[in-house]
C-alpha atoms as a PDB file:
ATOM      1  CA  UNK A   1      92.512 100.470  71.724  1.00  0.00           C
ATOM      2  CA  UNK A   2      94.768 100.054  74.804  1.00  0.00           C
ATOM      3  CA  UNK A   3      94.868  96.488  74.863  1.00  0.00           C
ATOM      4  CA  UNK A   4      97.951  95.402  76.332  1.00  0.00           C
ATOM      5  CA  UNK A   5      98.895  97.439  79.782  1.00  0.00           C
ATOM      6  CA  UNK A   6     101.977  96.512  81.403  1.00  0.00           C
ATOM      7  CA  UNK A   7     101.929  97.947  85.810  1.00  0.00           C
ATOM      8  CA  UNK A   8     105.402  98.859  86.515  1.00  0.00           C
ATOM      9  CA  UNK A   9     106.997  99.370  90.184  1.00  0.00           C
ATOM     10  CA  UNK A  10     110.084  98.874  91.958  1.00  0.00           C
ATOM     11  CA  UNK A  11     110.392  95.606  92.518  1.00  0.00           C
ATOM     12  CA  UNK A  12     108.051  93.546  91.112  1.00  0.00           C
ATOM     13  CA  UNK A  13     107.220  91.976  94.482  1.00  0.00           C
ATOM     14  CA  UNK A  14     104.851  93.849  95.965  1.00  0.00           C
ATOM     15  CA  UNK A  15     102.408  97.014  93.870  1.00  0.00           C
ATOM     16  CA  UNK A  16     102.853  96.047  90.546  1.00  0.00           C
ATOM     17  CA  UNK A  17     101.766  91.854  90.835  1.00  0.00           C
ATOM     18  CA  UNK A  18      98.451  93.120  92.997  1.00  0.00           C
ATOM     19  CA  UNK A  19      98.316  95.473  90.412  1.00  0.00           C
ATOM     20  CA  UNK A  20      98.677  93.613  87.331  1.00  0.00           C
ATOM     21  CA  UNK A  21      95.837  90.659  88.933  1.00  0.00           C
ATOM     22  CA  UNK A  22      92.961  93.353  90.348  1.00  0.00           C
ATOM     23  CA  UNK A  23      93.399  94.589  86.527  1.00  0.00           C
ATOM     24  CA  UNK A  24      92.851  91.051  84.940  1.00  0.00           C
ATOM     25  CA  UNK A  25      90.408  90.355  87.249  1.00  0.00           C
ATOM     26  CA  UNK A  26      87.983  94.487  86.218  1.00  0.00           C
ATOM     27  CA  UNK A  27      89.713  93.734  82.315  1.00  0.00           C
ATOM     28  CA  UNK A  28      89.639  89.712  81.786  1.00  0.00           C
ATOM     29  CA  UNK A  29      89.490  90.468  77.819  1.00  0.00           C
ATOM     30  CA  UNK A  30      93.305  92.413  78.251  1.00  0.00           C
ATOM     31  CA  UNK A  31      96.220  91.493  78.258  1.00  0.00           C
ATOM     32  CA  UNK A  32      97.827  92.469  81.712  1.00  0.00           C
ATOM     33  CA  UNK A  33     101.419  91.833  82.835  1.00  0.00           C
ATOM     34  CA  UNK A  34     103.527  93.718  85.429  1.00  0.00           C
ATOM     35  CA  UNK A  35     107.583  94.449  85.622  1.00  0.00           C
ATOM     36  CA  UNK A  36     109.941  96.465  87.710  1.00  0.00           C
ATOM     37  CA  UNK A  37     112.604  99.149  87.074  1.00  0.00           C
ATOM     38  CA  UNK A  38     114.471  97.552  89.581  1.00  0.00           C
ATOM     39  CA  UNK A  39     114.229  93.586  89.518  1.00  0.00           C
ATOM     40  CA  UNK A  40     117.307  92.927  88.370  1.00  0.00           C
ATOM     41  CA  UNK A  41     119.320  95.377  90.580  1.00  0.00           C
ATOM     42  CA  UNK A  42     117.757  93.991  93.147  1.00  0.00           C
ATOM     43  CA  UNK A  43     118.501  90.815  92.967  1.00  0.00           C
ATOM     44  CA  UNK A  44     114.666  89.963  93.179  1.00  0.00           C
ATOM     45  CA  UNK A  45     114.477  88.307  89.441  1.00  0.00           C
ATOM     46  CA  UNK A  46     111.956  85.618  89.036  1.00  0.00           C
ATOM     47  CA  UNK A  47     111.308  86.037  92.381  1.00  0.00           C
ATOM     48  CA  UNK A  48     107.604  85.018  94.004  1.00  0.00           C
ATOM     49  CA  UNK A  49     105.484  87.918  95.147  1.00  0.00           C
ATOM     50  CA  UNK A  50     105.769  89.571  98.888  1.00  0.00           C
ATOM     51  CA  UNK A  51     105.237  87.235 101.077  1.00  0.00           C
ATOM     52  CA  UNK A  52     102.712  90.081 102.910  1.00  0.00           C
ATOM     53  CA  UNK A  53     102.006  91.022  99.756  1.00  0.00           C
ATOM     54  CA  UNK A  54     100.072  87.643  98.879  1.00  0.00           C
ATOM     55  CA  UNK A  55      98.931  87.660 102.398  1.00  0.00           C
ATOM     56  CA  UNK A  56      96.890  90.825 102.409  1.00  0.00           C
ATOM     57  CA  UNK A  57      95.948  90.469  99.140  1.00  0.00           C
ATOM     58  CA  UNK A  58      94.366  86.934  99.802  1.00  0.00           C
ATOM     59  CA  UNK A  59      92.039  88.525 102.326  1.00  0.00           C
ATOM     60  CA  UNK A  60      91.116  90.901  99.364  1.00  0.00           C
ATOM     61  CA  UNK A  61      90.594  88.027  97.121  1.00  0.00           C
ATOM     62  CA  UNK A  62      93.039  88.418  95.086  1.00  0.00           C
ATOM     63  CA  UNK A  63      95.826  84.982  94.462  1.00  0.00           C
ATOM     64  CA  UNK A  64      99.346  85.973  93.466  1.00  0.00           C
ATOM     65  CA  UNK A  65     100.313  83.094  93.268  1.00  0.00           C
ATOM     66  CA  UNK A  66     102.723  82.035  89.768  1.00  0.00           C
ATOM     67  CA  UNK A  67     103.876  85.388  90.185  1.00  0.00           C
ATOM     68  CA  UNK A  68     107.310  85.897  89.081  1.00  0.00           C
ATOM     69  CA  UNK A  69     108.951  89.350  89.063  1.00  0.00           C
ATOM     70  CA  UNK A  70     110.513  89.970  85.888  1.00  0.00           C
ATOM     71  CA  UNK A  71     112.896  92.724  84.802  1.00  0.00           C
ATOM     72  CA  UNK A  72     111.384  96.112  82.434  1.00  0.00           C
ATOM     73  CA  UNK A  73     113.190  97.069  80.091  1.00  0.00           C
ATOM     74  CA  UNK A  74     112.686  99.230  76.572  1.00  0.00           C
ATOM     75  CA  UNK A  75     111.778  95.742  74.768  1.00  0.00           C
ATOM     76  CA  UNK A  76     109.245  95.304  77.545  1.00  0.00           C
ATOM     77  CA  UNK A  77     107.602  98.685  77.266  1.00  0.00           C
ATOM     78  CA  UNK A  78     107.645  98.513  73.130  1.00  0.00           C
ATOM     79  CA  UNK A  79     105.369  95.450  73.387  1.00  0.00           C
ATOM     80  CA  UNK A  80     102.614  97.528  75.525  1.00  0.00           C
ATOM     81  CA  UNK A  81      99.872 100.187  74.127  1.00  0.00           C
ATOM     82  CA  UNK A  82      99.389 101.422  78.290  1.00  0.00           C
ATOM     83  CA  UNK A  83     102.555 101.407  81.218  1.00  0.00           C
ATOM     84  CA  UNK A  84     101.184 102.233  84.172  1.00  0.00           C
ATOM     85  CA  UNK A  85     103.431 102.646  87.062  1.00  0.00           C
ATOM     86  CA  UNK A  86     102.529 103.515  91.313  1.00  0.00           C
ATOM     87  CA  UNK A  87     104.762 106.737  91.258  1.00  0.00           C
ATOM     88  CA  UNK A  88     105.952 109.828  89.480  1.00  0.00           C
ATOM     89  CA  UNK A  89     109.688 109.357  89.465  1.00  0.00           C
ATOM     90  CA  UNK A  90     108.821 105.829  88.781  1.00  0.00           C
ATOM     91  CA  UNK A  91     107.518 107.349  85.250  1.00  0.00           C
ATOM     92  CA  UNK A  92     111.008 109.895  84.777  1.00  0.00           C
ATOM     93  CA  UNK A  93     113.045 106.210  85.034  1.00  0.00           C
ATOM     94  CA  UNK A  94     110.989 104.575  82.806  1.00  0.00           C
ATOM     95  CA  UNK A  95     110.844 107.002  80.141  1.00  0.00           C
ATOM     96  CA  UNK A  96     115.232 107.697  80.846  1.00  0.00           C
ATOM     97  CA  UNK A  97     114.725 104.628  79.603  1.00  0.00           C
ATOM     98  CA  UNK A  98     112.552 104.114  77.039  1.00  0.00           C
ATOM     99  CA  UNK A  99     112.233 108.001  75.563  1.00  0.00           C
ATOM    100  CA  UNK A 100     109.708 106.368  73.232  1.00  0.00           C
ATOM    101  CA  UNK A 101     107.152 105.440  75.999  1.00  0.00           C
ATOM    102  CA  UNK A 102     106.330 108.656  77.556  1.00  0.00           C
ATOM    103  CA  UNK A 103     102.907 109.531  75.820  1.00  0.00           C
ATOM    104  CA  UNK A 104     101.794 105.575  76.335  1.00  0.00           C
ATOM    105  CA  UNK A 105     102.856 106.360  80.534  1.00  0.00           C
ATOM    106  CA  UNK A 106     100.401 107.004  83.149  1.00  0.00           C
ATOM    107  CA  UNK A 107     100.486 106.855  86.786  1.00  0.00           C
ATOM    108  CA  UNK A 108      97.982 104.082  87.847  1.00  0.00           C
ATOM    109  CA  UNK A 109      96.725 105.669  90.993  1.00  0.00           C
ATOM    110  CA  UNK A 110      95.861 108.525  88.743  1.00  0.00           C
ATOM    111  CA  UNK A 111      92.321 108.700  88.765  1.00  0.00           C
ATOM    112  CA  UNK A 112      91.625 108.072  92.020  1.00  0.00           C
ATOM    113  CA  UNK A 113      93.928 111.585  93.043  1.00  0.00           C
ATOM    114  CA  UNK A 114      97.073 109.922  93.835  1.00  0.00           C
ATOM    115  CA  UNK A 115     100.311 110.859  92.160  1.00  0.00           C
ATOM    116  CA  UNK A 116     102.384 108.134  94.419  1.00  0.00           C
ATOM    117  CA  UNK A 117     100.761 105.008  95.631  1.00  0.00           C
ATOM    118  CA  UNK A 118     103.765 104.348  98.521  1.00  0.00           C
ATOM    119  CA  UNK A 119     105.873 101.053  98.440  1.00  0.00           C
ATOM    120  CA  UNK A 120     104.812  98.952 101.239  1.00  0.00           C
ATOM    121  CA  UNK A 121     108.101  97.293 101.130  1.00  0.00           C
ATOM    122  CA  UNK A 122     109.091  95.941 104.542  1.00  0.00           C
ATOM    123  CA  UNK A 123     107.142  98.003 106.677  1.00  0.00           C
ATOM    124  CA  UNK A 124     103.632  96.877 108.565  1.00  0.00           C
ATOM    125  CA  UNK A 125     100.681  94.953 106.887  1.00  0.00           C
ATOM    126  CA  UNK A 126      99.043  98.641 107.558  1.00  0.00           C
ATOM    127  CA  UNK A 127     101.021  99.785 104.853  1.00  0.00           C
ATOM    128  CA  UNK A 128     100.279  96.750 102.886  1.00  0.00           C
ATOM    129  CA  UNK A 129      96.861  97.070 103.280  1.00  0.00           C
ATOM    130  CA  UNK A 130      97.260 100.852 103.208  1.00  0.00           C
ATOM    131  CA  UNK A 131      98.718 100.662  99.433  1.00  0.00           C
ATOM    132  CA  UNK A 132      96.016  97.202  98.524  1.00  0.00           C
ATOM    133  CA  UNK A 133      93.473 100.350  98.906  1.00  0.00           C
ATOM    134  CA  UNK A 134      94.817 102.618  96.545  1.00  0.00           C
ATOM    135  CA  UNK A 135      95.741  99.903  93.885  1.00  0.00           C
ATOM    136  CA  UNK A 136      91.801  98.682  94.039  1.00  0.00           C
ATOM    137  CA  UNK A 137      90.568 102.341  94.036  1.00  0.00           C
ATOM    138  CA  UNK A 138      92.965 102.823  91.277  1.00  0.00           C
ATOM    139  CA  UNK A 139      92.313  99.802  89.178  1.00  0.00           C
ATOM    140  CA  UNK A 140      88.132  99.917  89.154  1.00  0.00           C
ATOM    141  CA  UNK A 141      88.792 103.842  88.145  1.00  0.00           C
ATOM    142  CA  UNK A 142      91.382 102.847  84.936  1.00  0.00           C
ATOM    143  CA  UNK A 143      88.069  99.826  84.254  1.00  0.00           C
ATOM    144  CA  UNK A 144      85.349 102.363  84.189  1.00  0.00           C
ATOM    145  CA  UNK A 145      88.147 104.747  81.612  1.00  0.00           C
ATOM    146  CA  UNK A 146      88.876 101.806  79.533  1.00  0.00           C
END
């Protein structure tokens, strides 16, 4: 049913790469990628994952090596069966850009009662730890649902 999953956040350097890699570990038979709503605007296109995101993920056995930020596009939305966003606002922005994607766009934290997974960018290591834990819980919940 859902064979291709796209994980979306703003810059595609913190939350969505972590979500992508966690889902890839848990769902090895699915095609999983990530993208950012404001990747180009923020001049992050092609950039690696954030250093603190890499550090925290690595401490939990998740490796973000080789990640390169990509811009979310309407074409990319069409390619995937399920699109998981980190915040309710992301859902609105995405469906403004690609209205046809509304029915296949859901919150990453949906199954853990978490409406939004907060953006740790430019915050403390504790903020990254908190975001990682939420993303990890949500990835496990998605694993059970899919």
